[in-house]
PDB file of N, CA and C in Angstrom:
ATOM      1  N   MET A   1     114.119  95.213  88.422  1.00  0.00           N
ATOM      2  CA  MET A   1     114.381  96.561  87.958  1.00  0.00           C
ATOM      3  C   MET A   1     115.667  96.594  87.140  1.00  0.00           C
ATOM      4  N   GLU A   2     116.606  95.814  87.528  1.00  0.00           N
ATOM      5  CA  GLU A   2     117.868  95.768  86.793  1.00  0.00           C
ATOM      6  C   GLU A   2     117.654  95.231  85.373  1.00  0.00           C
ATOM      7  N   GLN A   3     116.832  94.211  85.240  1.00  0.00           N
ATOM      8  CA  GLN A   3     116.561  93.635  83.921  1.00  0.00           C
ATOM      9  C   GLN A   3     115.780  94.593  83.030  1.00  0.00           C
ATOM     10  N   ARG A   4     114.949  95.436  83.626  1.00  0.00           N
ATOM     11  CA  ARG A   4     114.179  96.414  82.853  1.00  0.00           C
ATOM     12  C   ARG A   4     114.982  97.673  82.556  1.00  0.00           C
ATOM     13  N   GLY A   5     116.207  97.769  83.076  1.00  0.00           N
ATOM     14  CA  GLY A   5     117.037  98.946  82.851  1.00  0.00           C
ATOM     15  C   GLY A   5     116.734 100.089  83.791  1.00  0.00           C
ATOM     16  N   GLN A   6     116.041  99.800  84.897  1.00  0.00           N
ATOM     17  CA  GLN A   6     115.674 100.839  85.856  1.00  0.00           C
ATOM     18  C   GLN A   6     116.605 100.881  87.059  1.00  0.00           C
ATOM     19  N   PHE A   7     117.622 100.056  87.077  1.00  0.00           N
ATOM     20  CA  PHE A   7     118.590 100.012  88.166  1.00  0.00           C
ATOM     21  C   PHE A   7     119.945  99.718  87.546  1.00  0.00           C
ATOM     22  N   PRO A   8     121.037 100.226  88.125  1.00  0.00           N
ATOM     23  CA  PRO A   8     122.369  99.963  87.565  1.00  0.00           C
ATOM     24  C   PRO A   8     122.678  98.471  87.461  1.00  0.00           C
ATOM     25  N   ARG A   9     123.494  98.136  86.478  1.00  0.00           N
ATOM     26  CA  ARG A   9     123.887  96.750  86.248  1.00  0.00           C
ATOM     27  C   ARG A   9     124.904  96.288  87.283  1.00  0.00           C
ATOM     28  N   ARG A  10     124.853  94.999  87.582  1.00  0.00           N
ATOM     29  CA  ARG A  10     125.788  94.406  88.540  1.00  0.00           C
ATOM     30  C   ARG A  10     127.050  93.933  87.833  1.00  0.00           C
ATOM     31  N   PHE A  11     128.103  93.748  88.618  1.00  0.00           N
ATOM     32  CA  PHE A  11     129.366  93.209  88.123  1.00  0.00           C
ATOM     33  C   PHE A  11     129.661  91.936  88.887  1.00  0.00           C
ATOM     34  N   LEU A  12     130.142  90.932  88.201  1.00  0.00           N
ATOM     35  CA  LEU A  12     130.530  89.680  88.854  1.00  0.00           C
ATOM     36  C   LEU A  12     131.984  89.762  89.286  1.00  0.00           C
ATOM     37  N   LEU A  13     132.218  89.612  90.583  1.00  0.00           N
ATOM     38  CA  LEU A  13     133.593  89.517  91.074  1.00  0.00           C
ATOM     39  C   LEU A  13     134.051  88.074  91.021  1.00  0.00           C
ATOM     40  N   THR A  14     133.203  87.194  91.498  1.00  0.00           N
ATOM     41  CA  THR A  14     133.430  85.758  91.439  1.00  0.00           C
ATOM     42  C   THR A  14     132.105  85.130  91.030  1.00  0.00           C
ATOM     43  N   PRO A  15     132.067  83.841  90.751  1.00  0.00           N
ATOM     44  CA  PRO A  15     130.782  83.230  90.382  1.00  0.00           C
ATOM     45  C   PRO A  15     129.693  83.379  91.449  1.00  0.00           C
ATOM     46  N   ARG A  16     130.074  83.622  92.696  1.00  0.00           N
ATOM     47  CA  ARG A  16     129.086  83.725  93.774  1.00  0.00           C
ATOM     48  C   ARG A  16     129.002  85.103  94.412  1.00  0.00           C
ATOM     49  N   CYS A  17     129.701  86.077  93.842  1.00  0.00           N
ATOM     50  CA  CYS A  17     129.738  87.413  94.442  1.00  0.00           C
ATOM     51  C   CYS A  17     129.474  88.472  93.379  1.00  0.00           C
ATOM     52  N   VAL A  18     128.428  89.277  93.594  1.00  0.00           N
ATOM     53  CA  VAL A  18     128.112  90.368  92.679  1.00  0.00           C
ATOM     54  C   VAL A  18     128.211  91.690  93.417  1.00  0.00           C
ATOM     55  N   VAL A  19     128.573  92.741  92.675  1.00  0.00           N
ATOM     56  CA  VAL A  19     128.690  94.083  93.258  1.00  0.00           C
ATOM     57  C   VAL A  19     128.099  95.086  92.273  1.00  0.00           C
ATOM     58  N   TRP A  20     127.815  96.284  92.771  1.00  0.00           N
ATOM     59  CA  TRP A  20     127.344  97.381  91.944  1.00  0.00           C
ATOM     60  C   TRP A  20     128.290  98.550  92.101  1.00  0.00           C
ATOM     61  N   ASP A  21     128.373  99.382  91.103  1.00  0.00           N
ATOM     62  CA  ASP A  21     129.206 100.582  91.163  1.00  0.00           C
ATOM     63  C   ASP A  21     128.533 101.578  92.105  1.00  0.00           C
ATOM     64  N   LEU A  22     129.247 101.996  93.127  1.00  0.00           N
ATOM     65  CA  LEU A  22     128.682 102.873  94.149  1.00  0.00           C
ATOM     66  C   LEU A  22     128.208 104.191  93.556  1.00  0.00           C
ATOM     67  N   ALA A  23     128.962 104.771  92.643  1.00  0.00           N
ATOM     68  CA  ALA A  23     128.571 106.047  92.045  1.00  0.00           C
ATOM     69  C   ALA A  23     127.269 105.907  91.258  1.00  0.00           C
ATOM     70  N   GLU A  24     127.096 104.793  90.543  1.00  0.00           N
ATOM     71  CA  GLU A  24     125.865 104.580  89.794  1.00  0.00           C
ATOM     72  C   GLU A  24     124.671 104.392  90.719  1.00  0.00           C
ATOM     73  N   VAL A  25     124.856 103.665  91.806  1.00  0.00           N
ATOM     74  CA  VAL A  25     123.759 103.442  92.753  1.00  0.00           C
ATOM     75  C   VAL A  25     123.389 104.744  93.454  1.00  0.00           C
ATOM     76  N   GLU A  26     124.382 105.543  93.834  1.00  0.00           N
ATOM     77  CA  GLU A  26     124.084 106.820  94.479  1.00  0.00           C
ATOM     78  C   GLU A  26     123.394 107.784  93.523  1.00  0.00           C
ATOM     79  N   ALA A  27     123.776 107.771  92.254  1.00  0.00           N
ATOM     80  CA  ALA A  27     123.099 108.613  91.262  1.00  0.00           C
ATOM     81  C   ALA A  27     121.653 108.145  91.073  1.00  0.00           C
ATOM     82  N   TRP A  28     121.439 106.839  91.071  1.00  0.00           N
ATOM     83  CA  TRP A  28     120.084 106.287  90.957  1.00  0.00           C
ATOM     84  C   TRP A  28     119.242 106.701  92.163  1.00  0.00           C
ATOM     85  N   LEU A  29     119.821 106.637  93.365  1.00  0.00           N
ATOM     86  CA  LEU A  29     119.103 107.046  94.571  1.00  0.00           C
ATOM     87  C   LEU A  29     118.743 108.530  94.528  1.00  0.00           C
ATOM     88  N   ALA A  30     119.684 109.363  94.101  1.00  0.00           N
ATOM     89  CA  ALA A  30     119.417 110.807  94.028  1.00  0.00           C
ATOM     90  C   ALA A  30     118.299 111.100  93.036  1.00  0.00           C
ATOM     91  N   LEU A  31     118.284 110.388  91.917  1.00  0.00           N
ATOM     92  CA  LEU A  31     117.223 110.576  90.930  1.00  0.00           C
ATOM     93  C   LEU A  31     115.872 110.152  91.496  1.00  0.00           C
ATOM     94  N   ARG A  32     115.849 109.035  92.225  1.00  0.00           N
ATOM     95  CA  ARG A  32     114.597 108.560  92.819  1.00  0.00           C
ATOM     96  C   ARG A  32     114.091 109.512  93.902  1.00  0.00           C
ATOM     97  N   ARG A  33     114.990 110.075  94.674  1.00  0.00           N
ATOM     98  CA  ARG A  33     114.581 110.996  95.743  1.00  0.00           C
ATOM     99  C   ARG A  33     114.078 112.319  95.188  1.00  0.00           C
ATOM    100  N   ALA A  34     114.520 112.693  94.001  1.00  0.00           N
ATOM    101  CA  ALA A  34     114.117 113.968  93.414  1.00  0.00           C
ATOM    102  C   ALA A  34     112.680 113.928  92.896  1.00  0.00           C
ATOM    103  N   LYS A  35     112.187 112.746  92.545  1.00  0.00           N
ATOM    104  CA  LYS A  35     110.829 112.618  92.022  1.00  0.00           C
ATOM    105  C   LYS A  35     109.827 112.509  93.175  1.00  0.00           C
ATOM    106  N   PRO A  36     108.700 113.224  93.091  1.00  0.00           N
ATOM    107  CA  PRO A  36     107.692 113.087  94.153  1.00  0.00           C
ATOM    108  C   PRO A  36     107.004 111.726  94.062  1.00  0.00           C
ATOM    109  N   ILE A  37     106.586 111.234  95.200  1.00  0.00           N
ATOM    110  CA  ILE A  37     105.898 109.950  95.275  1.00  0.00           C
ATOM    111  C   ILE A  37     104.406 110.211  95.124  1.00  0.00           C
ATOM    112  N   ARG A  38     103.812 109.603  94.116  1.00  0.00           N
ATOM    113  CA  ARG A  38     102.377 109.754  93.914  1.00  0.00           C
ATOM    114  C   ARG A  38     101.657 108.635  94.641  1.00  0.00           C
ATOM    115  N   ARG A  39     100.563 108.993  95.275  1.00  0.00           N
ATOM    116  CA  ARG A  39      99.752 107.979  95.947  1.00  0.00           C
ATOM    117  C   ARG A  39      98.899 107.254  94.927  1.00  0.00           C
ATOM    118  N   ALA A  40      98.730 105.976  95.160  1.00  0.00           N
ATOM    119  CA  ALA A  40      97.877 105.176  94.282  1.00  0.00           C
ATOM    120  C   ALA A  40      96.421 105.510  94.579  1.00  0.00           C
ATOM    121  N   PRO A  41      95.574 105.539  93.554  1.00  0.00           N
ATOM    122  CA  PRO A  41      94.161 105.810  93.802  1.00  0.00           C
ATOM    123  C   PRO A  41      93.536 104.635  94.555  1.00  0.00           C
ATOM    124  N   PRO A  42      92.526 104.910  95.375  1.00  0.00           N
ATOM    125  CA  PRO A  42      91.875 103.801  96.090  1.00  0.00           C
ATOM    126  C   PRO A  42      91.189 102.869  95.104  1.00  0.00           C
ATOM    127  N   PRO A  43      91.077 101.605  95.439  1.00  0.00           N
ATOM    128  CA  PRO A  43      90.444 100.659  94.518  1.00  0.00           C
ATOM    129  C   PRO A  43      88.943 100.933  94.399  1.00  0.00           C
ATOM    130  N   ASP A  44      88.393 100.635  93.245  1.00  0.00           N
ATOM    131  CA  ASP A  44      86.960 100.780  93.016  1.00  0.00           C
ATOM    132  C   ASP A  44      86.295  99.495  93.496  1.00  0.00           C
ATOM    133  N   VAL A  45      85.706  99.542  94.679  1.00  0.00           N
ATOM    134  CA  VAL A  45      85.142  98.338  95.285  1.00  0.00           C
ATOM    135  C   VAL A  45      83.907  97.844  94.542  1.00  0.00           C
ATOM    136  N   ARG A  46      83.320  98.684  93.693  1.00  0.00           N
ATOM    137  CA  ARG A  46      82.160  98.242  92.928  1.00  0.00           C
ATOM    138  C   ARG A  46      82.540  97.243  91.844  1.00  0.00           C
ATOM    139  N   LYS A  47      83.820  97.146  91.495  1.00  0.00           N
ATOM    140  CA  LYS A  47      84.278  96.229  90.454  1.00  0.00           C
ATOM    141  C   LYS A  47      84.745  94.889  91.002  1.00  0.00           C
ATOM    142  N   ARG A  48      84.627  94.698  92.314  1.00  0.00           N
ATOM    143  CA  ARG A  48      85.055  93.431  92.899  1.00  0.00           C
ATOM    144  C   ARG A  48      84.182  92.295  92.415  1.00  0.00           C
ATOM    145  N   ILE A  49      84.771  91.140  92.214  1.00  0.00           N
ATOM    146  CA  ILE A  49      84.020  89.958  91.787  1.00  0.00           C
ATOM    147  C   ILE A  49      83.411  89.268  93.006  1.00  0.00           C
ATOM    148  N   THR A  50      84.194  89.112  94.059  1.00  0.00           N
ATOM    149  CA  THR A  50      83.660  88.500  95.277  1.00  0.00           C
ATOM    150  C   THR A  50      83.221  89.602  96.227  1.00  0.00           C
ATOM    151  N   ARG A  51      82.080  89.440  96.815  1.00  0.00           N
ATOM    152  CA  ARG A  51      81.487  90.389  97.756  1.00  0.00           C
ATOM    153  C   ARG A  51      81.451  91.815  97.214  1.00  0.00           C
ATOM    154  N   PRO A  52      80.808  92.039  96.066  1.00  0.00           N
ATOM    155  CA  PRO A  52      80.734  93.403  95.532  1.00  0.00           C
ATOM    156  C   PRO A  52      79.891  94.298  96.427  1.00  0.00           C
ATOM    157  N   VAL A  53      80.193  95.551  96.460  1.00  0.00           N
ATOM    158  CA  VAL A  53      79.449  96.515  97.262  1.00  0.00           C
ATOM    159  C   VAL A  53      78.312  97.047  96.398  1.00  0.00           C
ATOM    160  N   ARG A  54      77.092  96.903  96.881  1.00  0.00           N
ATOM    161  CA  ARG A  54      75.925  97.391  96.150  1.00  0.00           C
ATOM    162  C   ARG A  54      75.486  98.728  96.738  1.00  0.00           C
ATOM    163  N   ALA A  55      74.834  99.522  95.932  1.00  0.00           N
ATOM    164  CA  ALA A  55      74.375 100.836  96.389  1.00  0.00           C
ATOM    165  C   ALA A  55      73.403 100.701  97.548  1.00  0.00           C
ATOM    166  N   ALA A  56      72.524  99.681  97.538  1.00  0.00           N
ATOM    167  CA  ALA A  56      71.546  99.491  98.612  1.00  0.00           C
ATOM    168  C   ALA A  56      72.246  99.147  99.929  1.00  0.00           C
ATOM    169  N   ASP A  57      73.334  98.388  99.873  1.00  0.00           N
ATOM    170  CA  ASP A  57      74.063  98.014 101.092  1.00  0.00           C
ATOM    171  C   ASP A  57      74.705  99.222 101.753  1.00  0.00           C
ATOM    172  N   ARG A  58      75.159 100.175 100.955  1.00  0.00           N
ATOM    173  CA  ARG A  58      75.835 101.343 101.524  1.00  0.00           C
ATOM    174  C   ARG A  58      74.853 102.339 102.117  1.00  0.00           C
ATOM    175  N   ASN A  59      73.607 102.359 101.638  1.00  0.00           N
ATOM    176  CA  ASN A  59      72.656 103.368 102.068  1.00  0.00           C
ATOM    177  C   ASN A  59      71.777 102.944 103.238  1.00  0.00           C
ATOM    178  N   GLU A  60      71.872 101.722 103.671  1.00  0.00           N
ATOM    179  CA  GLU A  60      70.987 101.250 104.734  1.00  0.00           C
ATOM    180  C   GLU A  60      71.356 101.809 106.108  1.00  0.00           C
ATOM    181  N   GLY A  61      72.626 102.142 106.316  1.00  0.00           N
ATOM    182  CA  GLY A  61      73.018 102.745 107.574  1.00  0.00           C
ATOM    183  C   GLY A  61      73.215 101.779 108.703  1.00  0.00           C
ATOM    184  N   ARG A  62      73.171 100.485 108.445  1.00  0.00           N
ATOM    185  CA  ARG A  62      73.388  99.526 109.526  1.00  0.00           C
ATOM    186  C   ARG A  62      74.895  99.323 109.737  1.00  0.00           C
ATOM    187  N   PRO A  63      75.290  98.922 110.935  1.00  0.00           N
ATOM    188  CA  PRO A  63      76.720  98.720 111.183  1.00  0.00           C
ATOM    189  C   PRO A  63      77.261  97.563 110.365  1.00  0.00           C
ATOM    190  N   PHE A  64      78.535  97.608 110.122  1.00  0.00           N
ATOM    191  CA  PHE A  64      79.223  96.583 109.336  1.00  0.00           C
ATOM    192  C   PHE A  64      79.182  95.253 110.093  1.00  0.00           C
ATOM    193  N   PRO A  65      78.765  94.173 109.435  1.00  0.00           N
ATOM    194  CA  PRO A  65      78.705  92.877 110.146  1.00  0.00           C
ATOM    195  C   PRO A  65      80.103  92.359 110.454  1.00  0.00           C
ATOM    196  N   GLY A  66      80.238  91.745 111.585  1.00  0.00           N
ATOM    197  CA  GLY A  66      81.504  91.111 111.900  1.00  0.00           C
ATOM    198  C   GLY A  66      82.086  91.473 113.148  1.00  0.00           C
TER     199      GLY A  66
END
């Protein structure tokens, strides 16, 4: 996210120690909390390559094997 510009940039204190500006991180958090979280749509199981769901399999009414 930092490389894409979606998170504040880090600062090098030493070659092995990085830090972020607290005010920038808190502003980023406040912006993220203000946006509503959208749920991802369920996957379309008919487009699966392995074990695709066929219309006949769903309409038979038998219990799921396994």
